[in-house]
């Protein structure tokens, strides 16, 4: 069920891939498929975040929870959906509203955030798969061990990385960010349930200030229309 880890990350995760936890995770996913369950995102996109942003490229890490559980929506980048998906998910609509108010971005006609990944934003979910129509169904099955290790690896980078943690679950990962050159920006989740506290957080301009402070290029947050 699990595809190969993208080559740019494989040397860093080799030990993890041989661990009993990862082998148990593979067995669990194989059993789900054998039972006729639909696993999201599609197999080729499970490691899309690592495929689109190499270890060397990472300068921002945006952490989500788990993939969208509606078929056709998850494509391996947190909060992002494929270009054709309509309507844009509510949380992402709220992200776009804050982008407009914070840094003046135009609200685009699609929800594909690949342009962020290509600029060095690691679009990571804490759990990388989900059973269709069952949110959080793969939580606690071993993905968190893998993604915590990815966060630790990014924490080991000698150049500044900005960690963006939205919501209480993401904020728990703050403990993994220990190097003083990095910056953590934590605020409410953009979900409609908590968006009133997300609005006004100015997290996007904060990211760019943290990058510019270290003479790193800011993120172009504008998602292009398609």
N, C-alpha and C. Protein backbone atom coordinates (compact mmCIF):
# COMPACT_ATOMS: atom_id res chain seq x y z
N UNK A 1 0.83 -1.21 0.00
CA UNK A 1 0.00 0.00 0.00
C UNK A 1 0.86 1.26 0.00
N UNK A 2 1.92 1.27 0.81
CA UNK A 2 2.73 2.49 0.93
C UNK A 2 3.73 2.59 -0.22
N UNK A 3 3.79 3.74 -0.88
CA UNK A 3 4.77 3.92 -1.95
C UNK A 3 6.15 4.18 -1.36
N UNK A 4 7.19 4.18 -2.20
CA UNK A 4 8.53 4.50 -1.69
C UNK A 4 8.59 5.93 -1.17
N UNK A 5 9.42 6.14 -0.16
CA UNK A 5 9.68 7.49 0.34
C UNK A 5 10.45 8.26 -0.75
N UNK A 6 10.10 9.50 -1.02
CA UNK A 6 10.86 10.29 -2.00
C UNK A 6 12.36 10.27 -1.69
N UNK A 7 13.15 10.18 -2.75
CA UNK A 7 14.59 9.93 -2.60
C UNK A 7 15.30 10.98 -1.76
N UNK A 8 14.84 12.24 -1.83
CA UNK A 8 15.50 13.29 -1.06
C UNK A 8 15.35 13.14 0.44
N UNK A 9 14.36 12.40 0.88
CA UNK A 9 14.12 12.20 2.31
C UNK A 9 14.56 10.83 2.80
N UNK A 10 14.72 9.89 1.88
CA UNK A 10 14.98 8.50 2.29
C UNK A 10 16.20 8.34 3.18
N UNK A 11 17.34 9.00 2.88
CA UNK A 11 18.50 8.82 3.78
C UNK A 11 18.24 9.26 5.21
N UNK A 12 17.38 10.26 5.37
CA UNK A 12 17.09 10.77 6.71
C UNK A 12 16.13 9.87 7.48
N UNK A 13 15.34 9.08 6.74
CA UNK A 13 14.27 8.30 7.37
C UNK A 13 14.52 6.79 7.30
N UNK A 14 15.72 6.42 6.87
CA UNK A 14 16.00 4.98 6.66
C UNK A 14 15.73 4.16 7.92
N UNK A 15 16.19 4.63 9.06
CA UNK A 15 15.98 3.89 10.31
C UNK A 15 14.50 3.77 10.63
N UNK A 16 13.76 4.85 10.38
CA UNK A 16 12.33 4.86 10.65
C UNK A 16 11.60 3.83 9.80
N UNK A 17 12.01 3.69 8.54
CA UNK A 17 11.33 2.80 7.61
C UNK A 17 11.50 1.33 7.99
N UNK A 18 12.52 1.04 8.76
CA UNK A 18 12.78 -0.35 9.19
C UNK A 18 12.24 -0.64 10.58
N UNK A 19 11.61 0.33 11.20
CA UNK A 19 11.14 0.15 12.58
C UNK A 19 9.89 -0.72 12.63
N UNK A 20 9.68 -1.44 13.74
CA UNK A 20 8.46 -2.23 13.89
C UNK A 20 7.19 -1.38 13.75
N UNK A 21 7.23 -0.14 14.23
CA UNK A 21 6.05 0.72 14.14
C UNK A 21 5.65 0.96 12.69
N UNK A 22 6.64 1.21 11.83
CA UNK A 22 6.34 1.47 10.43
C UNK A 22 5.87 0.20 9.73
N UNK A 23 6.47 -0.92 10.06
CA UNK A 23 6.04 -2.19 9.46
C UNK A 23 4.62 -2.54 9.89
N UNK A 24 4.28 -2.24 11.13
CA UNK A 24 2.91 -2.46 11.61
C UNK A 24 1.93 -1.54 10.88
N UNK A 25 2.36 -0.32 10.64
CA UNK A 25 1.52 0.62 9.90
C UNK A 25 1.25 0.10 8.49
N UNK A 26 2.29 -0.39 7.83
CA UNK A 26 2.11 -0.96 6.49
C UNK A 26 1.12 -2.11 6.51
N UNK A 27 1.24 -2.99 7.50
CA UNK A 27 0.33 -4.14 7.62
C UNK A 27 -1.11 -3.68 7.85
N UNK A 28 -1.29 -2.68 8.68
CA UNK A 28 -2.62 -2.14 8.94
C UNK A 28 -3.25 -1.59 7.66
N UNK A 29 -2.48 -0.81 6.89
CA UNK A 29 -3.02 -0.23 5.67
C UNK A 29 -3.32 -1.31 4.63
N UNK A 30 -2.46 -2.32 4.53
CA UNK A 30 -2.72 -3.43 3.61
C UNK A 30 -4.01 -4.14 3.98
N UNK A 31 -4.24 -4.32 5.28
CA UNK A 31 -5.47 -4.98 5.73
C UNK A 31 -6.70 -4.14 5.41
N UNK A 32 -6.60 -2.83 5.57
CA UNK A 32 -7.71 -1.95 5.23
C UNK A 32 -8.08 -2.10 3.75
N UNK A 33 -7.07 -2.09 2.90
CA UNK A 33 -7.31 -2.23 1.46
C UNK A 33 -7.91 -3.60 1.15
N UNK A 34 -7.38 -4.64 1.79
CA UNK A 34 -7.90 -5.99 1.55
C UNK A 34 -9.36 -6.12 1.96
N UNK A 35 -9.77 -5.31 2.93
CA UNK A 35 -11.17 -5.34 3.38
C UNK A 35 -12.07 -4.46 2.53
N UNK A 36 -11.50 -3.86 1.48
CA UNK A 36 -12.30 -3.06 0.57
C UNK A 36 -12.44 -1.60 0.94
N UNK A 37 -11.68 -1.15 1.93
CA UNK A 37 -11.76 0.26 2.32
C UNK A 37 -11.02 1.14 1.31
N UNK A 38 -11.51 2.36 1.13
CA UNK A 38 -10.83 3.34 0.31
C UNK A 38 -9.93 4.17 1.20
N UNK A 39 -8.65 4.20 0.87
CA UNK A 39 -7.68 4.94 1.66
C UNK A 39 -7.33 6.23 0.91
N UNK A 40 -7.32 7.32 1.63
CA UNK A 40 -7.02 8.62 1.05
C UNK A 40 -5.79 9.22 1.72
N UNK A 41 -4.97 9.99 0.99
CA UNK A 41 -5.09 10.30 -0.43
C UNK A 41 -4.74 9.09 -1.28
N UNK A 42 -4.84 9.19 -2.62
CA UNK A 42 -4.41 8.08 -3.48
C UNK A 42 -2.98 7.69 -3.17
N UNK A 43 -2.69 6.42 -3.40
CA UNK A 43 -1.40 5.87 -3.02
C UNK A 43 -0.22 6.73 -3.47
N UNK A 44 -0.27 7.22 -4.69
CA UNK A 44 0.88 7.96 -5.22
C UNK A 44 1.06 9.32 -4.54
N UNK A 45 0.06 9.77 -3.79
CA UNK A 45 0.14 11.08 -3.15
C UNK A 45 0.35 11.03 -1.63
N UNK A 46 0.48 9.84 -1.07
CA UNK A 46 0.63 9.73 0.38
C UNK A 46 1.82 10.56 0.87
N UNK A 47 2.92 10.52 0.12
CA UNK A 47 4.12 11.27 0.51
C UNK A 47 4.32 12.50 -0.36
N UNK A 48 3.21 13.09 -0.83
CA UNK A 48 3.32 14.26 -1.72
C UNK A 48 4.05 15.42 -1.05
N UNK A 49 3.83 15.61 0.25
CA UNK A 49 4.49 16.72 0.95
C UNK A 49 6.01 16.58 0.86
N UNK A 50 6.51 15.35 1.00
CA UNK A 50 7.95 15.11 0.92
C UNK A 50 8.44 15.16 -0.52
N UNK A 51 7.58 14.76 -1.44
CA UNK A 51 7.94 14.81 -2.86
C UNK A 51 8.07 16.25 -3.37
N UNK A 52 7.16 17.10 -2.94
CA UNK A 52 7.12 18.47 -3.45
C UNK A 52 8.13 19.40 -2.77
N UNK A 53 8.58 19.04 -1.56
CA UNK A 53 9.51 19.88 -0.82
C UNK A 53 10.62 19.01 -0.25
N UNK A 54 11.80 19.12 -0.79
CA UNK A 54 12.92 18.32 -0.30
C UNK A 54 13.38 18.83 1.06
N UNK A 55 14.15 18.01 1.75
CA UNK A 55 14.67 18.40 3.06
C UNK A 55 15.47 19.68 2.97
N UNK A 56 16.30 19.79 1.94
CA UNK A 56 17.14 20.97 1.78
C UNK A 56 16.31 22.22 1.55
N UNK A 57 15.16 22.09 0.92
CA UNK A 57 14.33 23.24 0.58
C UNK A 57 13.54 23.79 1.76
N UNK A 58 13.30 23.00 2.80
CA UNK A 58 12.35 23.38 3.84
C UNK A 58 12.79 24.65 4.56
N UNK A 59 11.92 25.64 4.56
CA UNK A 59 12.15 26.84 5.38
C UNK A 59 10.93 27.23 6.18
N UNK A 60 9.79 26.61 5.87
CA UNK A 60 8.57 26.74 6.67
C UNK A 60 7.95 25.36 6.77
N UNK A 61 7.45 25.00 7.95
CA UNK A 61 6.70 23.76 8.12
C UNK A 61 5.31 24.12 8.60
N UNK A 62 4.32 23.80 7.77
CA UNK A 62 2.91 24.01 8.13
C UNK A 62 2.32 22.65 8.47
N UNK A 63 1.80 22.52 9.68
CA UNK A 63 1.34 21.22 10.16
C UNK A 63 -0.18 21.15 10.19
N UNK A 64 -0.72 20.15 9.49
CA UNK A 64 -2.14 19.85 9.56
C UNK A 64 -2.38 18.60 10.40
N UNK A 65 -3.64 18.16 10.46
CA UNK A 65 -3.99 17.01 11.31
C UNK A 65 -4.01 15.71 10.53
N UNK A 66 -5.01 15.53 9.66
CA UNK A 66 -5.03 14.35 8.80
C UNK A 66 -5.69 14.75 7.48
N UNK A 67 -5.60 13.91 6.45
CA UNK A 67 -6.11 14.31 5.14
C UNK A 67 -7.63 14.48 5.14
N UNK A 68 -8.11 15.24 4.14
CA UNK A 68 -9.55 15.31 3.90
C UNK A 68 -10.07 13.89 3.67
N UNK A 69 -11.21 13.57 4.26
CA UNK A 69 -11.72 12.20 4.15
C UNK A 69 -12.80 12.04 3.08
N UNK A 70 -13.06 13.08 2.31
CA UNK A 70 -13.98 12.99 1.18
C UNK A 70 -13.19 12.61 -0.07
N UNK A 71 -13.55 11.52 -0.75
CA UNK A 71 -12.79 11.13 -1.95
C UNK A 71 -12.68 12.27 -2.95
N UNK A 72 -11.48 12.40 -3.51
CA UNK A 72 -11.23 13.43 -4.51
C UNK A 72 -10.64 14.71 -3.95
N UNK A 73 -10.63 14.85 -2.63
CA UNK A 73 -10.16 16.11 -2.04
C UNK A 73 -8.71 16.04 -1.56
N UNK A 74 -8.31 14.95 -0.93
CA UNK A 74 -6.95 14.86 -0.39
C UNK A 74 -5.96 14.58 -1.50
N UNK A 75 -4.85 15.32 -1.51
CA UNK A 75 -3.77 14.99 -2.45
C UNK A 75 -2.40 15.12 -1.80
N UNK A 76 -2.35 14.95 -0.49
CA UNK A 76 -1.08 14.79 0.19
C UNK A 76 -0.43 16.04 0.72
N UNK A 77 -1.05 17.20 0.52
CA UNK A 77 -0.55 18.46 1.07
C UNK A 77 -1.58 18.98 2.06
N UNK A 78 -1.18 19.30 3.27
CA UNK A 78 -2.15 19.71 4.28
C UNK A 78 -2.91 20.95 3.82
N UNK A 79 -4.20 20.95 4.09
CA UNK A 79 -5.14 22.03 3.79
C UNK A 79 -5.41 22.21 2.29
N UNK A 80 -4.61 21.63 1.44
CA UNK A 80 -4.73 21.82 0.00
C UNK A 80 -5.69 20.80 -0.62
N UNK A 81 -6.30 21.19 -1.73
CA UNK A 81 -7.12 20.28 -2.53
C UNK A 81 -6.69 20.39 -3.99
N UNK A 82 -6.96 19.37 -4.81
CA UNK A 82 -6.63 19.47 -6.23
C UNK A 82 -7.31 20.66 -6.88
N UNK A 83 -6.77 21.15 -7.99
CA UNK A 83 -7.27 22.38 -8.60
C UNK A 83 -8.74 22.37 -8.99
N UNK A 84 -9.28 21.18 -9.32
CA UNK A 84 -10.66 21.12 -9.82
C UNK A 84 -11.70 21.09 -8.72
N UNK A 85 -11.30 20.91 -7.47
CA UNK A 85 -12.26 20.70 -6.38
C UNK A 85 -13.05 21.98 -6.10
N UNK A 86 -14.36 21.85 -6.09
CA UNK A 86 -15.27 22.92 -5.72
C UNK A 86 -16.38 22.31 -4.87
N UNK A 87 -16.87 23.00 -3.86
CA UNK A 87 -16.36 24.28 -3.38
C UNK A 87 -15.06 24.11 -2.60
N UNK A 88 -14.35 25.20 -2.39
CA UNK A 88 -13.15 25.17 -1.58
C UNK A 88 -13.55 24.88 -0.13
N UNK A 89 -12.83 23.98 0.56
CA UNK A 89 -13.21 23.62 1.93
C UNK A 89 -13.28 24.83 2.86
N UNK A 90 -14.17 24.78 3.85
CA UNK A 90 -14.38 25.93 4.74
C UNK A 90 -13.11 26.43 5.44
N UNK A 91 -12.28 25.51 5.94
CA UNK A 91 -11.05 25.95 6.62
C UNK A 91 -10.14 26.72 5.67
N UNK A 92 -10.05 26.24 4.44
CA UNK A 92 -9.19 26.91 3.47
C UNK A 92 -9.77 28.26 3.05
N UNK A 93 -11.08 28.36 2.98
CA UNK A 93 -11.69 29.66 2.71
C UNK A 93 -11.32 30.66 3.80
N UNK A 94 -11.27 30.19 5.04
CA UNK A 94 -10.89 31.07 6.14
C UNK A 94 -9.41 31.45 6.06
N UNK A 95 -8.57 30.51 5.61
CA UNK A 95 -7.16 30.83 5.38
C UNK A 95 -7.04 31.95 4.35
N UNK A 96 -7.81 31.83 3.28
CA UNK A 96 -7.76 32.84 2.22
C UNK A 96 -8.23 34.21 2.73
N UNK A 97 -9.23 34.20 3.60
CA UNK A 97 -9.71 35.47 4.15
C UNK A 97 -8.61 36.14 4.97
N UNK A 98 -7.92 35.35 5.79
CA UNK A 98 -6.83 35.92 6.60
C UNK A 98 -5.67 36.37 5.72
N UNK A 99 -5.38 35.62 4.67
CA UNK A 99 -4.34 36.03 3.73
C UNK A 99 -4.67 37.39 3.11
N UNK A 100 -5.92 37.57 2.74
CA UNK A 100 -6.34 38.85 2.17
C UNK A 100 -6.16 39.98 3.17
N UNK A 101 -6.62 39.75 4.41
CA UNK A 101 -6.58 40.81 5.41
C UNK A 101 -5.16 41.08 5.91
N UNK A 102 -4.33 40.04 5.93
CA UNK A 102 -2.98 40.16 6.49
C UNK A 102 -1.98 40.70 5.47
N UNK A 103 -1.92 40.07 4.30
CA UNK A 103 -0.88 40.44 3.33
C UNK A 103 -1.45 40.88 1.99
N UNK A 104 -2.76 41.06 1.91
CA UNK A 104 -3.36 41.63 0.71
C UNK A 104 -3.52 40.69 -0.46
N UNK A 105 -3.51 39.39 -0.20
CA UNK A 105 -3.66 38.44 -1.31
C UNK A 105 -5.08 38.47 -1.88
N UNK A 106 -5.16 38.32 -3.17
CA UNK A 106 -6.44 38.13 -3.84
C UNK A 106 -6.94 36.72 -3.55
N UNK A 107 -8.22 36.56 -3.30
CA UNK A 107 -8.77 35.23 -3.06
C UNK A 107 -8.84 34.49 -4.39
N UNK A 108 -8.14 33.35 -4.52
CA UNK A 108 -8.05 32.65 -5.80
C UNK A 108 -9.30 31.83 -6.11
N UNK A 109 -9.33 31.27 -7.30
CA UNK A 109 -10.50 30.49 -7.74
C UNK A 109 -10.31 28.99 -7.50
N UNK A 110 -9.30 28.61 -6.72
CA UNK A 110 -9.04 27.18 -6.48
C UNK A 110 -8.38 27.02 -5.13
N UNK A 111 -8.26 25.76 -4.68
CA UNK A 111 -7.69 25.48 -3.36
C UNK A 111 -6.39 24.72 -3.41
N UNK A 112 -5.67 24.79 -4.53
CA UNK A 112 -4.42 24.04 -4.68
C UNK A 112 -3.24 24.87 -4.16
N UNK A 113 -2.57 24.38 -3.14
CA UNK A 113 -1.50 25.12 -2.47
C UNK A 113 -0.11 24.65 -2.91
N UNK A 114 -0.02 24.01 -4.07
CA UNK A 114 1.27 23.49 -4.52
C UNK A 114 2.32 24.58 -4.65
N UNK A 115 1.90 25.79 -4.98
CA UNK A 115 2.89 26.87 -5.14
C UNK A 115 3.60 27.18 -3.83
N UNK A 116 2.93 26.94 -2.70
CA UNK A 116 3.59 27.10 -1.41
C UNK A 116 4.66 26.04 -1.22
N UNK A 117 4.30 24.78 -1.54
CA UNK A 117 5.25 23.67 -1.38
C UNK A 117 6.50 23.90 -2.21
N UNK A 118 6.33 24.44 -3.38
CA UNK A 118 7.47 24.66 -4.28
C UNK A 118 8.39 25.78 -3.77
N UNK A 119 7.90 26.59 -2.85
CA UNK A 119 8.73 27.65 -2.26
C UNK A 119 9.41 27.24 -0.96
N UNK A 120 9.26 25.98 -0.59
CA UNK A 120 9.93 25.50 0.62
C UNK A 120 9.05 25.39 1.83
N UNK A 121 7.72 25.38 1.64
CA UNK A 121 6.81 25.14 2.76
C UNK A 121 6.48 23.64 2.78
N UNK A 122 6.91 22.96 3.82
CA UNK A 122 6.59 21.54 3.97
C UNK A 122 5.16 21.43 4.48
N UNK A 123 4.27 20.95 3.62
CA UNK A 123 2.82 20.92 3.89
C UNK A 123 2.47 19.58 4.53
N UNK A 124 2.83 19.41 5.78
CA UNK A 124 2.80 18.11 6.45
C UNK A 124 1.55 17.92 7.29
N UNK A 125 0.91 16.77 7.16
CA UNK A 125 -0.11 16.36 8.11
C UNK A 125 0.52 15.46 9.17
N UNK A 126 0.00 15.50 10.40
CA UNK A 126 0.50 14.62 11.45
C UNK A 126 0.21 13.16 11.14
N UNK A 127 -0.90 12.90 10.46
CA UNK A 127 -1.30 11.56 10.01
C UNK A 127 -1.47 11.64 8.50
N UNK A 128 -0.85 10.73 7.76
CA UNK A 128 -0.76 10.89 6.31
C UNK A 128 -1.81 10.14 5.52
N UNK A 129 -2.63 9.33 6.18
CA UNK A 129 -3.73 8.65 5.48
C UNK A 129 -4.99 8.69 6.33
N UNK A 130 -6.11 8.38 5.68
CA UNK A 130 -7.40 8.32 6.37
C UNK A 130 -8.31 7.39 5.58
N UNK A 131 -9.23 6.74 6.28
CA UNK A 131 -10.26 5.93 5.60
C UNK A 131 -11.34 6.87 5.08
N UNK A 132 -11.78 6.64 3.87
CA UNK A 132 -12.79 7.50 3.27
C UNK A 132 -14.00 7.64 4.19
N UNK A 133 -14.47 8.87 4.35
CA UNK A 133 -15.67 9.22 5.12
C UNK A 133 -15.52 8.96 6.62
N UNK A 134 -14.27 8.85 7.11
CA UNK A 134 -14.06 8.56 8.54
C UNK A 134 -12.87 9.38 9.05
N UNK A 135 -13.15 10.61 9.46
CA UNK A 135 -12.09 11.50 9.94
C UNK A 135 -11.33 10.87 11.11
N UNK A 136 -10.02 11.06 11.13
CA UNK A 136 -9.15 10.58 12.21
C UNK A 136 -9.10 9.06 12.33
N UNK A 137 -9.54 8.35 11.30
CA UNK A 137 -9.61 6.88 11.39
C UNK A 137 -8.25 6.21 11.41
N UNK A 138 -7.19 6.89 11.01
CA UNK A 138 -5.85 6.30 11.06
C UNK A 138 -4.97 6.95 12.12
N UNK A 139 -5.61 7.70 12.99
CA UNK A 139 -4.87 8.28 14.11
C UNK A 139 -4.42 7.18 15.06
N UNK A 140 -3.19 7.31 15.58
CA UNK A 140 -2.68 6.34 16.55
C UNK A 140 -2.23 5.03 15.96
N UNK A 141 -2.08 4.97 14.63
CA UNK A 141 -1.67 3.73 13.97
C UNK A 141 -0.18 3.71 13.62
N UNK A 142 0.52 4.79 13.93
CA UNK A 142 1.96 4.81 13.70
C UNK A 142 2.46 5.98 12.88
N UNK A 143 1.55 6.68 12.21
CA UNK A 143 1.99 7.82 11.41
C UNK A 143 2.64 8.90 12.27
N UNK A 144 2.13 9.10 13.47
CA UNK A 144 2.65 10.17 14.31
C UNK A 144 4.12 9.98 14.66
N UNK A 145 4.54 8.72 14.78
CA UNK A 145 5.95 8.44 15.05
C UNK A 145 6.81 8.91 13.87
N UNK A 146 6.33 8.62 12.67
CA UNK A 146 7.04 9.04 11.46
C UNK A 146 7.06 10.56 11.31
N UNK A 147 5.90 11.19 11.47
CA UNK A 147 5.86 12.64 11.24
C UNK A 147 6.53 13.42 12.36
N UNK A 148 6.50 12.90 13.57
CA UNK A 148 7.29 13.54 14.64
C UNK A 148 8.78 13.51 14.29
N UNK A 149 9.21 12.39 13.72
CA UNK A 149 10.62 12.30 13.32
C UNK A 149 10.94 13.30 12.21
N UNK A 150 10.02 13.51 11.29
CA UNK A 150 10.23 14.50 10.24
C UNK A 150 10.36 15.90 10.86
N UNK A 151 9.50 16.20 11.84
CA UNK A 151 9.60 17.50 12.52
C UNK A 151 10.95 17.62 13.23
N UNK A 152 11.39 16.56 13.87
CA UNK A 152 12.70 16.59 14.55
C UNK A 152 13.83 16.81 13.55
N UNK A 153 13.73 16.18 12.39
CA UNK A 153 14.76 16.36 11.36
C UNK A 153 14.81 17.81 10.88
N UNK A 154 13.64 18.39 10.68
CA UNK A 154 13.60 19.80 10.26
C UNK A 154 14.15 20.69 11.37
N UNK A 155 13.87 20.34 12.61
CA UNK A 155 14.41 21.08 13.75
C UNK A 155 15.94 21.06 13.77
N UNK A 156 16.54 20.02 13.19
CA UNK A 156 18.00 19.89 13.17
C UNK A 156 18.66 20.75 12.10
N UNK A 157 17.87 21.34 11.21
CA UNK A 157 18.46 22.17 10.15
C UNK A 157 19.20 23.36 10.77
N UNK A 158 20.37 23.70 10.23
CA UNK A 158 21.15 24.80 10.81
C UNK A 158 20.63 26.18 10.44
N UNK A 159 19.82 26.29 9.41
CA UNK A 159 19.24 27.57 9.03
C UNK A 159 17.82 27.68 9.55
N UNK A 160 17.35 28.90 9.70
CA UNK A 160 16.04 29.13 10.29
C UNK A 160 14.92 28.45 9.53
N UNK A 161 14.03 27.83 10.28
CA UNK A 161 12.76 27.31 9.77
C UNK A 161 11.65 27.90 10.63
N UNK A 162 10.57 28.29 10.00
CA UNK A 162 9.41 28.80 10.72
C UNK A 162 8.38 27.67 10.79
N UNK A 163 7.99 27.30 12.00
CA UNK A 163 7.01 26.24 12.23
C UNK A 163 5.66 26.90 12.49
N UNK A 164 4.66 26.55 11.67
CA UNK A 164 3.33 27.16 11.78
C UNK A 164 2.37 26.11 12.31
N UNK A 165 1.87 26.35 13.51
CA UNK A 165 1.03 25.38 14.22
C UNK A 165 -0.35 25.99 14.45
N UNK A 166 -1.35 25.46 13.76
CA UNK A 166 -2.72 25.95 13.87
C UNK A 166 -3.55 24.95 14.67
N UNK A 167 -4.09 25.37 15.78
CA UNK A 167 -4.97 24.51 16.57
C UNK A 167 -4.24 23.77 17.67
N UNK A 168 -5.03 23.24 18.60
CA UNK A 168 -4.46 22.64 19.81
C UNK A 168 -3.64 21.40 19.51
N UNK A 169 -4.07 20.54 18.58
CA UNK A 169 -3.31 19.33 18.26
C UNK A 169 -1.94 19.70 17.70
N UNK A 170 -1.91 20.65 16.79
CA UNK A 170 -0.63 21.07 16.21
C UNK A 170 0.27 21.69 17.26
N UNK A 171 -0.31 22.46 18.17
CA UNK A 171 0.51 23.14 19.19
C UNK A 171 1.24 22.16 20.10
N UNK A 172 0.72 20.94 20.21
CA UNK A 172 1.40 19.93 21.02
C UNK A 172 2.78 19.59 20.47
N UNK A 173 2.99 19.85 19.18
CA UNK A 173 4.27 19.53 18.55
C UNK A 173 5.34 20.59 18.83
N UNK A 174 4.97 21.65 19.50
CA UNK A 174 5.94 22.69 19.84
C UNK A 174 7.13 22.11 20.60
N UNK A 175 6.89 21.07 21.37
CA UNK A 175 7.95 20.47 22.18
C UNK A 175 9.08 19.90 21.32
N UNK A 176 8.80 19.63 20.04
CA UNK A 176 9.80 19.05 19.14
C UNK A 176 10.71 20.11 18.53
N UNK A 177 10.36 21.38 18.72
CA UNK A 177 11.13 22.47 18.14
C UNK A 177 11.99 23.08 19.24
N UNK A 178 13.25 22.72 19.24
CA UNK A 178 14.13 23.07 20.37
C UNK A 178 15.29 23.98 19.97
N UNK A 179 15.60 24.07 18.69
CA UNK A 179 16.75 24.89 18.28
C UNK A 179 16.38 26.37 18.29
N UNK A 180 17.20 27.19 18.94
CA UNK A 180 16.81 28.59 19.16
C UNK A 180 16.74 29.45 17.90
N UNK A 181 17.35 29.00 16.79
CA UNK A 181 17.29 29.82 15.58
C UNK A 181 15.94 29.72 14.87
N UNK A 182 15.15 28.72 15.23
CA UNK A 182 13.85 28.54 14.60
C UNK A 182 12.79 29.42 15.27
N UNK A 183 11.67 29.60 14.58
CA UNK A 183 10.56 30.40 15.09
C UNK A 183 9.29 29.54 15.03
N UNK A 184 8.51 29.57 16.10
CA UNK A 184 7.21 28.88 16.13
C UNK A 184 6.11 29.94 16.13
N UNK A 185 5.18 29.81 15.19
CA UNK A 185 4.01 30.69 15.14
C UNK A 185 2.79 29.80 15.37
N UNK A 186 2.14 29.98 16.50
CA UNK A 186 1.01 29.15 16.88
C UNK A 186 -0.23 30.01 17.06
N UNK A 187 -1.34 29.54 16.54
CA UNK A 187 -2.59 30.28 16.70
C UNK A 187 -3.75 29.30 16.56
N UNK A 188 -4.97 29.81 16.58
CA UNK A 188 -6.15 28.97 16.46
C UNK A 188 -6.20 28.32 15.08
N UNK A 189 -6.95 27.24 14.99
CA UNK A 189 -7.16 26.54 13.73
C UNK A 189 -8.14 27.33 12.87
N UNK A 190 -7.97 27.32 11.54
CA UNK A 190 -8.90 28.06 10.68
C UNK A 190 -10.25 27.40 10.47
N UNK A 191 -10.50 26.28 11.12
CA UNK A 191 -11.81 25.65 11.04
C UNK A 191 -12.91 26.63 11.42
N UNK A 192 -14.10 26.51 10.81
CA UNK A 192 -15.21 27.38 11.22
C UNK A 192 -15.49 27.35 12.72
N UNK A 193 -15.12 26.26 13.40
CA UNK A 193 -15.37 26.15 14.84
C UNK A 193 -14.49 27.09 15.65
N UNK A 194 -13.33 27.46 15.10
CA UNK A 194 -12.40 28.29 15.87
C UNK A 194 -11.89 29.49 15.09
N UNK A 195 -12.46 29.73 13.91
CA UNK A 195 -11.92 30.76 13.00
C UNK A 195 -11.96 32.15 13.61
N UNK A 196 -12.91 32.42 14.50
CA UNK A 196 -12.98 33.76 15.08
C UNK A 196 -11.69 34.11 15.81
N UNK A 197 -10.98 33.09 16.30
CA UNK A 197 -9.70 33.32 16.96
C UNK A 197 -8.52 33.23 15.99
N UNK A 198 -8.77 32.65 14.82
CA UNK A 198 -7.74 32.60 13.79
C UNK A 198 -7.65 33.94 13.05
N UNK A 199 -8.81 34.53 12.80
CA UNK A 199 -8.82 35.81 12.10
C UNK A 199 -8.09 36.88 12.93
N UNK A 200 -7.24 37.61 12.26
CA UNK A 200 -6.46 38.63 12.95
C UNK A 200 -5.15 38.14 13.52
N UNK A 201 -4.83 36.84 13.31
CA UNK A 201 -3.58 36.30 13.85
C UNK A 201 -2.35 36.84 13.12
N UNK A 202 -2.54 37.28 11.87
CA UNK A 202 -1.44 37.83 11.07
C UNK A 202 -0.27 36.85 10.97
N UNK A 203 -0.60 35.57 10.89
CA UNK A 203 0.47 34.56 10.89
C UNK A 203 1.31 34.60 9.62
N UNK A 204 0.73 35.01 8.49
CA UNK A 204 1.48 34.99 7.24
C UNK A 204 2.54 36.09 7.19
N UNK A 205 2.18 37.28 7.65
CA UNK A 205 3.18 38.34 7.71
C UNK A 205 4.23 38.03 8.77
N UNK A 206 3.84 37.33 9.84
CA UNK A 206 4.81 36.92 10.85
C UNK A 206 5.84 35.96 10.26
N UNK A 207 5.38 35.04 9.44
CA UNK A 207 6.32 34.11 8.79
C UNK A 207 7.34 34.88 7.97
N UNK A 208 6.86 35.80 7.15
CA UNK A 208 7.79 36.53 6.29
C UNK A 208 8.76 37.40 7.09
N UNK A 209 8.29 38.00 8.17
CA UNK A 209 9.21 38.78 9.00
C UNK A 209 10.32 37.91 9.57
N UNK A 210 9.93 36.69 10.01
CA UNK A 210 10.93 35.78 10.58
C UNK A 210 11.95 35.34 9.55
N UNK A 211 11.53 35.17 8.30
CA UNK A 211 12.46 34.80 7.24
C UNK A 211 13.36 35.97 6.86
N UNK A 212 12.77 37.13 6.67
CA UNK A 212 13.54 38.31 6.27
C UNK A 212 14.59 38.67 7.33
N UNK A 213 14.23 38.44 8.58
CA UNK A 213 15.15 38.74 9.69
C UNK A 213 16.47 37.99 9.54
N UNK A 214 16.42 36.81 8.90
CA UNK A 214 17.63 36.00 8.69
C UNK A 214 18.11 36.09 7.25
N UNK A 215 17.70 37.14 6.54
CA UNK A 215 18.11 37.37 5.15
C UNK A 215 17.65 36.25 4.22
N UNK A 216 16.51 35.63 4.55
CA UNK A 216 15.90 34.60 3.70
C UNK A 216 14.75 35.23 2.92
N UNK A 217 14.52 34.72 1.73
CA UNK A 217 13.47 35.28 0.88
C UNK A 217 12.10 35.04 1.51
N UNK A 218 11.21 36.02 1.48
CA UNK A 218 9.85 35.83 2.00
C UNK A 218 9.05 34.91 1.09
N UNK A 219 7.96 34.40 1.62
CA UNK A 219 7.04 33.57 0.84
C UNK A 219 6.12 34.47 0.02
N UNK A 220 5.93 34.12 -1.24
CA UNK A 220 4.88 34.73 -2.04
C UNK A 220 3.61 33.94 -1.78
N UNK A 221 2.73 34.47 -0.94
CA UNK A 221 1.56 33.74 -0.49
C UNK A 221 0.43 33.66 -1.52
N UNK A 222 0.51 34.44 -2.58
CA UNK A 222 -0.58 34.49 -3.55
C UNK A 222 -0.71 33.17 -4.31
N UNK A 223 -1.85 32.52 -4.15
CA UNK A 223 -2.15 31.31 -4.92
C UNK A 223 -2.65 31.74 -6.30
N UNK A 224 -2.05 31.25 -7.38
CA UNK A 224 -2.47 31.69 -8.70
C UNK A 224 -3.83 31.12 -9.09
N UNK A 225 -4.60 31.91 -9.84
CA UNK A 225 -5.84 31.39 -10.41
C UNK A 225 -5.50 30.36 -11.49
N UNK A 226 -6.40 29.40 -11.65
CA UNK A 226 -6.22 28.35 -12.65
C UNK A 226 -7.41 28.32 -13.60
